[in-house]
C-alpha atoms as a PDB file:
ATOM      1  CA  MET A   1       6.137  16.492  16.132  1.00  0.00           C
ATOM      2  CA  LEU A   2       4.901  18.232  12.729  1.00  0.00           C
ATOM      3  CA  ASP A   3       4.622  21.866  11.784  1.00  0.00           C
ATOM      4  CA  GLU A   4       2.337  23.123  10.315  1.00  0.00           C
ATOM      5  CA  SER A   5       3.901  23.369   6.612  1.00  0.00           C
ATOM      6  CA  GLN A   6       4.124  19.421   7.308  1.00  0.00           C
ATOM      7  CA  ILE A   7       0.339  19.032   8.236  1.00  0.00           C
ATOM      8  CA  SER A   8      -0.592  21.576   4.885  1.00  0.00           C
ATOM      9  CA  GLU A   9       1.197  18.733   2.801  1.00  0.00           C
ATOM     10  CA  PHE A  10      -0.667  15.919   4.448  1.00  0.00           C
ATOM     11  CA  ARG A  11      -4.073  17.577   3.686  1.00  0.00           C
ATOM     12  CA  GLU A  12      -3.165  18.616  -0.176  1.00  0.00           C
ATOM     13  CA  LYS A  13      -1.278  15.754  -0.774  1.00  0.00           C
ATOM     14  CA  GLY A  14      -2.650  12.790   0.808  1.00  0.00           C
ATOM     15  CA  VAL A  15       1.249  12.368   2.156  1.00  0.00           C
ATOM     16  CA  VAL A  16       3.936  13.606   3.818  1.00  0.00           C
ATOM     17  CA  VAL A  17       7.392  12.062   4.567  1.00  0.00           C
ATOM     18  CA  VAL A  18       9.342  13.266   7.895  1.00  0.00           C
ATOM     19  CA  GLN A  19      12.588  12.957   7.700  1.00  0.00           C
ATOM     20  CA  SER A  20      14.807  10.940  10.376  1.00  0.00           C
ATOM     21  CA  ALA A  21      11.639  10.598  12.693  1.00  0.00           C
ATOM     22  CA  LEU A  22      13.780   7.746  14.484  1.00  0.00           C
ATOM     23  CA  SER A  23      17.368   7.580  15.142  1.00  0.00           C
ATOM     24  CA  ALA A  24      19.800   5.326  14.148  1.00  0.00           C
ATOM     25  CA  GLU A  25      19.911   3.997  17.794  1.00  0.00           C
ATOM     26  CA  ASP A  26      16.302   3.233  17.568  1.00  0.00           C
ATOM     27  CA  LEU A  27      16.460   1.215  15.062  1.00  0.00           C
ATOM     28  CA  GLN A  28      18.955  -1.023  15.947  1.00  0.00           C
ATOM     29  CA  PRO A  29      17.249  -3.606  17.307  1.00  0.00           C
ATOM     30  CA  LEU A  30      14.234  -3.597  14.758  1.00  0.00           C
ATOM     31  CA  ARG A  31      16.809  -4.046  12.205  1.00  0.00           C
ATOM     32  CA  ARG A  32      18.226  -6.822  14.460  1.00  0.00           C
ATOM     33  CA  GLN A  33      15.021  -8.290  14.918  1.00  0.00           C
ATOM     34  CA  HIS A  34      14.521  -8.334  10.980  1.00  0.00           C
ATOM     35  CA  GLN A  35      17.484  -9.846  10.692  1.00  0.00           C
ATOM     36  CA  ARG A  36      17.016 -13.300  12.621  1.00  0.00           C
ATOM     37  CA  TRP A  37      13.766 -13.416  10.625  1.00  0.00           C
ATOM     38  CA  ILE A  38      15.835 -13.456   7.427  1.00  0.00           C
ATOM     39  CA  GLU A  39      17.938 -16.078   8.929  1.00  0.00           C
ATOM     40  CA  GLN A  40      15.201 -18.150  10.300  1.00  0.00           C
ATOM     41  CA  SER A  41      13.639 -17.795   6.566  1.00  0.00           C
ATOM     42  CA  ARG A  42      16.447 -19.771   5.510  1.00  0.00           C
ATOM     43  CA  HIS A  43      15.162 -23.028   7.254  1.00  0.00           C
ATOM     44  CA  HIS A  44      11.919 -22.728   5.357  1.00  0.00           C
ATOM     45  CA  ALA A  45      11.604 -23.551   1.328  1.00  0.00           C
ATOM     46  CA  GLY A  46       7.688 -21.855   1.504  1.00  0.00           C
ATOM     47  CA  PRO A  47       5.582 -19.565   3.596  1.00  0.00           C
ATOM     48  CA  PHE A  48       5.646 -20.583   7.306  1.00  0.00           C
ATOM     49  CA  GLY A  49       4.823 -19.440  11.016  1.00  0.00           C
ATOM     50  CA  GLU A  50       1.040 -19.068  11.804  1.00  0.00           C
ATOM     51  CA  MET A  51      -1.442 -15.942  12.265  1.00  0.00           C
ATOM     52  CA  LEU A  52      -4.363 -15.653  14.581  1.00  0.00           C
ATOM     53  CA  ASP A  53      -6.429 -16.813  11.384  1.00  0.00           C
ATOM     54  CA  GLY A  54      -3.979 -19.709  10.679  1.00  0.00           C
ATOM     55  CA  ARG A  55      -2.581 -18.378   7.473  1.00  0.00           C
ATOM     56  CA  PRO A  56       1.130 -18.156   7.711  1.00  0.00           C
ATOM     57  CA  ARG A  57       2.853 -15.050   9.168  1.00  0.00           C
ATOM     58  CA  PHE A  58       6.061 -15.057   7.328  1.00  0.00           C
ATOM     59  CA  ASP A  59       5.611 -14.937   3.209  1.00  0.00           C
ATOM     60  CA  VAL A  60       8.522 -15.460   0.995  1.00  0.00           C
ATOM     61  CA  GLU A  61       8.545 -14.808  -2.902  1.00  0.00           C
ATOM     62  CA  PRO A  62       8.832 -17.717  -5.509  1.00  0.00           C
ATOM     63  CA  GLY A  63      12.887 -18.280  -5.541  1.00  0.00           C
ATOM     64  CA  HIS A  64      13.535 -18.169  -1.970  1.00  0.00           C
ATOM     65  CA  SER A  65      16.087 -20.228  -0.915  1.00  0.00           C
ATOM     66  CA  ALA A  66      18.686 -20.771   1.675  1.00  0.00           C
ATOM     67  CA  GLU A  67      21.219 -19.464  -0.651  1.00  0.00           C
ATOM     68  CA  GLN A  68      19.026 -16.324  -1.691  1.00  0.00           C
ATOM     69  CA  PRO A  69      16.351 -15.726   1.052  1.00  0.00           C
ATOM     70  CA  ALA A  70      13.593 -13.596  -0.324  1.00  0.00           C
ATOM     71  CA  LEU A  71      11.278 -13.236   2.936  1.00  0.00           C
ATOM     72  CA  ARG A  72       8.896 -10.290   1.949  1.00  0.00           C
ATOM     73  CA  ARG A  73       6.605  -9.996   4.489  1.00  0.00           C
ATOM     74  CA  ILE A  74       6.093 -10.523   8.388  1.00  0.00           C
ATOM     75  CA  ALA A  75       2.486 -10.285   9.249  1.00  0.00           C
ATOM     76  CA  SER A  76       1.276  -8.794  12.782  1.00  0.00           C
ATOM     77  CA  PRO A  77       5.427  -8.704  14.115  1.00  0.00           C
ATOM     78  CA  GLU A  78       4.009  -6.968  17.454  1.00  0.00           C
ATOM     79  CA  GLU A  79       2.490 -10.242  18.586  1.00  0.00           C
ATOM     80  CA  ILE A  80       6.169 -12.046  18.563  1.00  0.00           C
ATOM     81  CA  SER A  81       8.563  -8.978  19.058  1.00  0.00           C
ATOM     82  CA  ASP A  82       8.310  -6.557  22.053  1.00  0.00           C
ATOM     83  CA  ASP A  83      10.516  -4.022  19.749  1.00  0.00           C
ATOM     84  CA  PHE A  84       7.786  -3.583  17.175  1.00  0.00           C
ATOM     85  CA  LEU A  85       5.213  -3.716  19.841  1.00  0.00           C
ATOM     86  CA  GLY A  86       7.301  -0.736  21.458  1.00  0.00           C
ATOM     87  CA  LEU A  87       6.462   1.416  18.526  1.00  0.00           C
ATOM     88  CA  LEU A  88       3.123   1.059  19.373  1.00  0.00           C
ATOM     89  CA  THR A  89       3.066   2.082  22.951  1.00  0.00           C
ATOM     90  CA  LYS A  90       4.695   5.387  22.472  1.00  0.00           C
ATOM     91  CA  GLY A  91       7.220   7.292  20.237  1.00  0.00           C
ATOM     92  CA  PRO A  92       7.287   9.690  17.372  1.00  0.00           C
ATOM     93  CA  LEU A  93       5.497   7.111  14.862  1.00  0.00           C
ATOM     94  CA  LEU A  94       1.955   7.642  17.339  1.00  0.00           C
ATOM     95  CA  ASP A  95       2.572  11.652  18.124  1.00  0.00           C
ATOM     96  CA  CYS A  96       2.944  12.436  14.534  1.00  0.00           C
ATOM     97  CA  VAL A  97      -0.296  10.356  13.475  1.00  0.00           C
ATOM     98  CA  ALA A  98      -2.230  12.091  16.322  1.00  0.00           C
ATOM     99  CA  ASP A  99      -0.709  15.813  14.803  1.00  0.00           C
ATOM    100  CA  LEU A 100      -2.850  14.942  11.898  1.00  0.00           C
ATOM    101  CA  LEU A 101      -5.740  12.775  12.696  1.00  0.00           C
ATOM    102  CA  GLY A 102      -6.410  14.155  16.874  1.00  0.00           C
ATOM    103  CA  GLU A 103      -5.488  12.748  19.675  1.00  0.00           C
ATOM    104  CA  ASP A 104      -7.264   9.539  19.772  1.00  0.00           C
ATOM    105  CA  LEU A 105      -5.992   6.552  17.980  1.00  0.00           C
ATOM    106  CA  ARG A 106      -6.684   3.001  17.288  1.00  0.00           C
ATOM    107  CA  PHE A 107      -4.198   0.399  15.980  1.00  0.00           C
ATOM    108  CA  HIS A 108      -5.653  -1.367  13.075  1.00  0.00           C
ATOM    109  CA  HIS A 109      -2.804  -3.609  11.944  1.00  0.00           C
ATOM    110  CA  ALA A 110       0.488  -3.956  11.082  1.00  0.00           C
ATOM    111  CA  LYS A 111       2.971  -5.658   8.674  1.00  0.00           C
ATOM    112  CA  LEU A 112       6.978  -5.739   7.986  1.00  0.00           C
ATOM    113  CA  ASN A 113       7.517  -5.639   4.064  1.00  0.00           C
ATOM    114  CA  SER A 114      10.845  -6.293   2.565  1.00  0.00           C
ATOM    115  CA  LYS A 115      12.325  -6.190  -0.688  1.00  0.00           C
ATOM    116  CA  LEU A 116      15.696  -8.107  -0.347  1.00  0.00           C
ATOM    117  CA  PRO A 117      18.497  -7.848  -2.931  1.00  0.00           C
ATOM    118  CA  GLY A 118      17.706  -9.832  -5.981  1.00  0.00           C
ATOM    119  CA  SER A 119      14.076  -9.708  -5.410  1.00  0.00           C
ATOM    120  CA  GLY A 120      11.460  -8.960  -7.706  1.00  0.00           C
ATOM    121  CA  THR A 121       8.374  -7.862  -5.461  1.00  0.00           C
ATOM    122  CA  THR A 122       6.469  -5.019  -6.892  1.00  0.00           C
ATOM    123  CA  VAL A 123       3.208  -3.458  -5.532  1.00  0.00           C
ATOM    124  CA  LYS A 124       0.730  -2.703  -8.054  1.00  0.00           C
ATOM    125  CA  TRP A 125      -1.750   0.556  -7.697  1.00  0.00           C
ATOM    126  CA  HIS A 126      -4.293   0.194  -5.352  1.00  0.00           C
ATOM    127  CA  GLN A 127      -5.895   2.139  -2.028  1.00  0.00           C
ATOM    128  CA  ASP A 128      -5.451   0.723   1.380  1.00  0.00           C
ATOM    129  CA  PHE A 129      -8.982   1.671   2.136  1.00  0.00           C
ATOM    130  CA  THR A 130     -10.677  -0.422  -0.160  1.00  0.00           C
ATOM    131  CA  PHE A 131      -8.640  -3.223   1.589  1.00  0.00           C
ATOM    132  CA  ASP A 132      -9.229  -2.075   4.891  1.00  0.00           C
ATOM    133  CA  PRO A 133     -12.450  -0.090   5.038  1.00  0.00           C
ATOM    134  CA  HIS A 134     -13.745   2.103   8.077  1.00  0.00           C
ATOM    135  CA  SER A 135     -17.011   3.761   9.146  1.00  0.00           C
ATOM    136  CA  ASN A 136     -14.926   6.828   8.096  1.00  0.00           C
ATOM    137  CA  ASP A 137     -11.326   7.722   6.553  1.00  0.00           C
ATOM    138  CA  ASP A 138      -9.441   9.111   9.016  1.00  0.00           C
ATOM    139  CA  CYS A 139      -7.272   6.171   8.355  1.00  0.00           C
ATOM    140  CA  ILE A 140      -3.601   6.387   8.101  1.00  0.00           C
ATOM    141  CA  THR A 141      -0.739   4.099   6.631  1.00  0.00           C
ATOM    142  CA  ALA A 142       2.807   4.995   8.730  1.00  0.00           C
ATOM    143  CA  MET A 143       5.382   3.539   7.006  1.00  0.00           C
ATOM    144  CA  LEU A 144       8.541   3.611   8.995  1.00  0.00           C
ATOM    145  CA  PHE A 145      11.830   3.154   6.873  1.00  0.00           C
ATOM    146  CA  LEU A 146      13.976   0.914   8.267  1.00  0.00           C
ATOM    147  CA  ASP A 147      16.858   1.123   5.531  1.00  0.00           C
ATOM    148  CA  ASP A 148      17.743   4.051   3.462  1.00  0.00           C
ATOM    149  CA  ILE A 149      15.197   4.919   0.720  1.00  0.00           C
ATOM    150  CA  ASP A 150      16.078   6.452  -2.792  1.00  0.00           C
ATOM    151  CA  SER A 151      14.546   6.051  -6.470  1.00  0.00           C
ATOM    152  CA  GLU A 152      16.736   2.955  -7.112  1.00  0.00           C
ATOM    153  CA  ILE A 153      15.481   0.678  -4.003  1.00  0.00           C
ATOM    154  CA  GLY A 154      11.969   0.632  -5.063  1.00  0.00           C
ATOM    155  CA  PRO A 155      10.423   3.349  -2.871  1.00  0.00           C
ATOM    156  CA  ALA A 156       6.585   3.721  -2.284  1.00  0.00           C
ATOM    157  CA  ARG A 157       4.934   6.248  -5.016  1.00  0.00           C
ATOM    158  CA  VAL A 158       1.737   8.070  -4.117  1.00  0.00           C
ATOM    159  CA  VAL A 159      -0.462  10.481  -6.556  1.00  0.00           C
ATOM    160  CA  PRO A 160      -0.613  13.724  -4.765  1.00  0.00           C
ATOM    161  CA  GLY A 161      -4.267  14.585  -4.028  1.00  0.00           C
ATOM    162  CA  SER A 162      -5.759  10.962  -4.990  1.00  0.00           C
ATOM    163  CA  HIS A 163      -7.105  10.617  -1.223  1.00  0.00           C
ATOM    164  CA  ARG A 164      -9.662  13.314  -2.357  1.00  0.00           C
ATOM    165  CA  GLY A 165     -11.069  11.289  -4.878  1.00  0.00           C
ATOM    166  CA  PRO A 166     -13.281   8.525  -5.700  1.00  0.00           C
ATOM    167  CA  LEU A 167     -12.781   4.684  -4.252  1.00  0.00           C
ATOM    168  CA  TYR A 168     -11.519   2.384  -7.176  1.00  0.00           C
ATOM    169  CA  SER A 169     -12.603  -1.599  -7.821  1.00  0.00           C
ATOM    170  CA  LEU A 170     -10.103  -4.109  -7.118  1.00  0.00           C
ATOM    171  CA  TRP A 171     -12.227  -6.153  -8.576  1.00  0.00           C
ATOM    172  CA  HIS A 172     -11.812  -7.325 -12.530  1.00  0.00           C
ATOM    173  CA  ASP A 173     -13.961  -9.583 -14.144  1.00  0.00           C
ATOM    174  CA  GLY A 174     -14.917 -11.482 -11.027  1.00  0.00           C
ATOM    175  CA  VAL A 175     -11.701 -11.408  -9.518  1.00  0.00           C
ATOM    176  CA  PHE A 176     -10.270 -10.010  -6.573  1.00  0.00           C
ATOM    177  CA  THR A 177      -7.158  -8.624  -8.099  1.00  0.00           C
ATOM    178  CA  GLY A 178      -6.016  -5.998  -5.215  1.00  0.00           C
ATOM    179  CA  ALA A 179      -4.978  -3.754  -8.111  1.00  0.00           C
ATOM    180  CA  VAL A 180      -6.774  -1.233  -9.967  1.00  0.00           C
ATOM    181  CA  ASP A 181      -7.477  -1.696 -13.796  1.00  0.00           C
ATOM    182  CA  GLU A 182      -4.518  -1.252 -16.177  1.00  0.00           C
ATOM    183  CA  GLY A 183      -5.926   2.301 -17.660  1.00  0.00           C
ATOM    184  CA  LEU A 184      -5.703   3.725 -14.097  1.00  0.00           C
ATOM    185  CA  ALA A 185      -2.686   2.481 -13.658  1.00  0.00           C
ATOM    186  CA  ALA A 186      -0.675   3.908 -16.572  1.00  0.00           C
ATOM    187  CA  ASP A 187      -2.502   7.477 -15.469  1.00  0.00           C
ATOM    188  CA  CYS A 188      -0.864   7.223 -11.976  1.00  0.00           C
ATOM    189  CA  GLU A 189       2.526   6.417 -13.258  1.00  0.00           C
ATOM    190  CA  SER A 190       2.310  10.080 -14.988  1.00  0.00           C
ATOM    191  CA  ARG A 191       1.404  11.526 -11.819  1.00  0.00           C
ATOM    192  CA  ALA A 192       2.909   9.830  -8.795  1.00  0.00           C
ATOM    193  CA  VAL A 193       5.495  11.403  -6.730  1.00  0.00           C
ATOM    194  CA  GLU A 194       8.041   9.017  -4.812  1.00  0.00           C
ATOM    195  CA  CYS A 195       8.588   8.478  -0.670  1.00  0.00           C
ATOM    196  CA  LEU A 196      12.345   9.158  -0.116  1.00  0.00           C
ATOM    197  CA  GLY A 197      14.384   9.543   2.959  1.00  0.00           C
ATOM    198  CA  PRO A 198      17.164   8.329   5.078  1.00  0.00           C
ATOM    199  CA  ALA A 199      16.512   5.280   7.292  1.00  0.00           C
ATOM    200  CA  GLY A 200      14.136   6.408  10.721  1.00  0.00           C
ATOM    201  CA  SER A 201      12.118   8.950   8.313  1.00  0.00           C
ATOM    202  CA  LEU A 202       8.506   8.203   8.061  1.00  0.00           C
ATOM    203  CA  CYS A 203       6.228   8.226   5.445  1.00  0.00           C
ATOM    204  CA  LEU A 204       2.556   9.105   6.494  1.00  0.00           C
ATOM    205  CA  MET A 205      -0.004   8.203   3.734  1.00  0.00           C
ATOM    206  CA  HIS A 206      -3.659   8.533   3.880  1.00  0.00           C
ATOM    207  CA  THR A 207      -5.159   5.309   3.148  1.00  0.00           C
ATOM    208  CA  ARG A 208      -7.366   6.499   0.090  1.00  0.00           C
ATOM    209  CA  ALA A 209      -4.290   7.771  -1.470  1.00  0.00           C
ATOM    210  CA  LEU A 210      -3.369   5.328  -4.914  1.00  0.00           C
ATOM    211  CA  HIS A 211       0.199   4.260  -4.389  1.00  0.00           C
ATOM    212  CA  ALA A 212       2.593   1.447  -5.810  1.00  0.00           C
ATOM    213  CA  SER A 213       6.082   0.536  -5.743  1.00  0.00           C
ATOM    214  CA  SER A 214       8.745  -1.189  -7.884  1.00  0.00           C
ATOM    215  CA  GLU A 215      11.310  -3.656  -7.544  1.00  0.00           C
ATOM    216  CA  ASN A 216      14.391  -2.888  -5.637  1.00  0.00           C
ATOM    217  CA  ARG A 217      17.000  -2.327  -8.435  1.00  0.00           C
ATOM    218  CA  THR A 218      20.126  -2.033  -5.695  1.00  0.00           C
ATOM    219  CA  GLN A 219      22.014  -4.655  -3.536  1.00  0.00           C
ATOM    220  CA  ASN A 220      20.569  -3.385  -0.407  1.00  0.00           C
ATOM    221  CA  PRO A 221      17.424  -4.109   1.270  1.00  0.00           C
ATOM    222  CA  ARG A 222      14.553  -2.152   1.488  1.00  0.00           C
ATOM    223  CA  THR A 223      12.439  -2.805   4.789  1.00  0.00           C
ATOM    224  CA  LEU A 224       9.538  -0.841   5.894  1.00  0.00           C
ATOM    225  CA  TYR A 225       7.295  -0.853   9.082  1.00  0.00           C
ATOM    226  CA  ILE A 226       3.787  -0.752   7.787  1.00  0.00           C
ATOM    227  CA  ALA A 227       1.346   0.095  10.390  1.00  0.00           C
ATOM    228  CA  THR A 228      -2.331   1.323   9.875  1.00  0.00           C
ATOM    229  CA  LEU A 229      -3.619   3.474  12.596  1.00  0.00           C
ATOM    230  CA  THR A 230      -7.344   5.453  12.896  1.00  0.00           C
ATOM    231  CA  ALA A 231      -9.206   7.911  14.912  1.00  0.00           C
ATOM    232  CA  ALA A 232     -10.742   6.011  17.687  1.00  0.00           C
ATOM    233  CA  ASP A 233     -13.899   6.323  16.310  1.00  0.00           C
ATOM    234  CA  ALA A 234     -13.123   4.981  13.004  1.00  0.00           C
ATOM    235  CA  ILE A 235     -14.209   1.129  13.537  1.00  0.00           C
ATOM    236  CA  PRO A 236     -13.677  -1.653  10.894  1.00  0.00           C
ATOM    237  CA  LEU A 237     -16.216  -2.554   8.213  1.00  0.00           C
ATOM    238  CA  VAL A 238     -14.678  -6.288   7.207  1.00  0.00           C
ATOM    239  CA  PRO A 239     -12.307  -8.584   9.127  1.00  0.00           C
ATOM    240  CA  CYS A 240      -8.787  -7.420   8.424  1.00  0.00           C
ATOM    241  CA  ALA A 241      -6.505  -9.566   6.298  1.00  0.00           C
ATOM    242  CA  VAL A 242      -3.196  -8.977   9.071  1.00  0.00           C
ATOM    243  CA  PRO A 243      -5.033  -9.845  12.166  1.00  0.00           C
ATOM    244  CA  SER A 244      -3.507  -9.447  15.170  1.00  0.00           C
ATOM    245  CA  VAL A 245      -4.144  -9.867  19.066  1.00  0.00           C
ATOM    246  CA  HIS A 246      -3.535  -6.001  19.384  1.00  0.00           C
ATOM    247  CA  ALA A 247      -6.233  -4.915  16.454  1.00  0.00           C
ATOM    248  CA  GLY A 248      -8.406  -2.258  17.844  1.00  0.00           C
ATOM    249  CA  ARG A 249      -6.252  -1.379  20.691  1.00  0.00           C
ATOM    250  CA  ILE A 250      -6.245   2.158  21.316  1.00  0.00           C
ATOM    251  CA  VAL A 251      -2.570   3.538  21.143  1.00  0.00           C
ATOM    252  CA  HIS A 252      -2.967   7.129  21.847  1.00  0.00           C
ATOM    253  CA  GLY A 253      -5.283   8.988  23.701  1.00  0.00           C
ATOM    254  CA  LYS A 254      -8.424   7.350  24.672  1.00  0.00           C
ATOM    255  CA  ASP A 255     -11.692   5.743  23.690  1.00  0.00           C
ATOM    256  CA  PRO A 256     -14.163   8.152  22.719  1.00  0.00           C
ATOM    257  CA  GLY A 257     -16.945   5.552  23.287  1.00  0.00           C
ATOM    258  CA  ARG A 258     -19.016   6.269  19.576  1.00  0.00           C
ATOM    259  CA  ILE A 259     -18.725   5.552  16.192  1.00  0.00           C
ATOM    260  CA  ARG A 260     -18.294   8.012  13.310  1.00  0.00           C
ATOM    261  CA  SER A 261     -19.585   7.210  10.017  1.00  0.00           C
ATOM    262  CA  ILE A 262     -19.122   8.794   6.312  1.00  0.00           C
ATOM    263  CA  ALA A 263     -21.377   8.123   3.574  1.00  0.00           C
ATOM    264  CA  PHE A 264     -19.078   5.701   0.941  1.00  0.00           C
ATOM    265  CA  GLU A 265     -19.910   2.545  -1.351  1.00  0.00           C
ATOM    266  CA  MET A 266     -17.629   0.358  -2.442  1.00  0.00           C
ATOM    267  CA  GLU A 267     -17.290  -3.725  -3.261  1.00  0.00           C
ATOM    268  CA  ASN A 268     -16.122  -5.875  -0.251  1.00  0.00           C
ATOM    269  CA  PRO A 269     -12.587  -6.919  -0.499  1.00  0.00           C
ATOM    270  CA  GLU A 270     -11.486 -10.531   0.116  1.00  0.00           C
ATOM    271  CA  ILE A 271      -9.147 -11.637   2.556  1.00  0.00           C
ATOM    272  CA  PRO A 272      -6.044 -13.623   0.550  1.00  0.00           C
ATOM    273  CA  ALA A 273      -6.031 -17.667   0.912  1.00  0.00           C
ATOM    274  CA  GLY A 274      -2.381 -17.314   1.789  1.00  0.00           C
ATOM    275  CA  ALA A 275       0.003 -15.417   3.259  1.00  0.00           C
ATOM    276  CA  SER A 276      -0.344 -12.322   1.810  1.00  0.00           C
ATOM    277  CA  PHE A 277      -2.118  -9.870  -1.017  1.00  0.00           C
ATOM    278  CA  PHE A 278       1.083 -10.357  -2.964  1.00  0.00           C
ATOM    279  CA  ASN A 279      -0.729 -13.629  -4.342  1.00  0.00           C
ATOM    280  CA  GLN A 280      -4.110 -11.316  -4.788  1.00  0.00           C
ATOM    281  CA  GLN A 281      -2.248  -9.021  -7.101  1.00  0.00           C
ATOM    282  CA  ALA A 282       0.007 -11.774  -9.127  1.00  0.00           C
ATOM    283  CA  THR A 283      -3.189 -12.440 -10.881  1.00  0.00           C
ATOM    284  CA  THR A 284      -3.152  -9.547 -12.917  1.00  0.00           C
ATOM    285  CA  GLY A 285      -0.686  -9.041 -15.721  1.00  0.00           C
END
């Protein structure tokens, strides 16, 4: 799926966007399902549904209402939708990641994150690896654009090359905030690049890469299907905050039957008490 220049870009920057990896026809059932979930959310005043661990599956931001729905996350959509499960059985998402990590891939978790018009959701600077450490860091966050993504709609912003740097703390004054400190965040803002593309594009990001996103300033939705995939010999070291019956499943190639480890140190992450990490990040200013 990827050419040599795209593979080299990922190796150097820790992120690459594959334009129009899926067609409009491929996206239709995913978008229809998402719209059904939005309509379902109109009947709830707060987070609802249930994940494997009992926490809510559907997360809404403050101010959500039937008139102005603000459904911002569906955890583990592959558990409740065959269309989303299909993304993990075959197709360009898996093939693109295999070009970067090798043939043998393991599924860790997935979610559907949305910034609906009028919502104020932002994502503060962080690294995914410090939420989901594995025995090695051949781990990719794959973000499928269900909508067109431009600079005004709250795109993901990534610091190029940060995947080769240190792992930064998400703890401040004894509180797990899910975000790096303000000084580092300011530096990230000055160096970040935006991940843009039409609906159907696929952003592949190393889980050690520093990234964030701002609010949606348009009247259009911004929805991403986000899946964490790893080399099959990368084994999770902590419980996943987005549990799934499919966690650990080999989704490409075969199980090598071994564990590969690298040396690193970091603090333990903390599973959010509520529906998602958005509440953890809200503890910072």
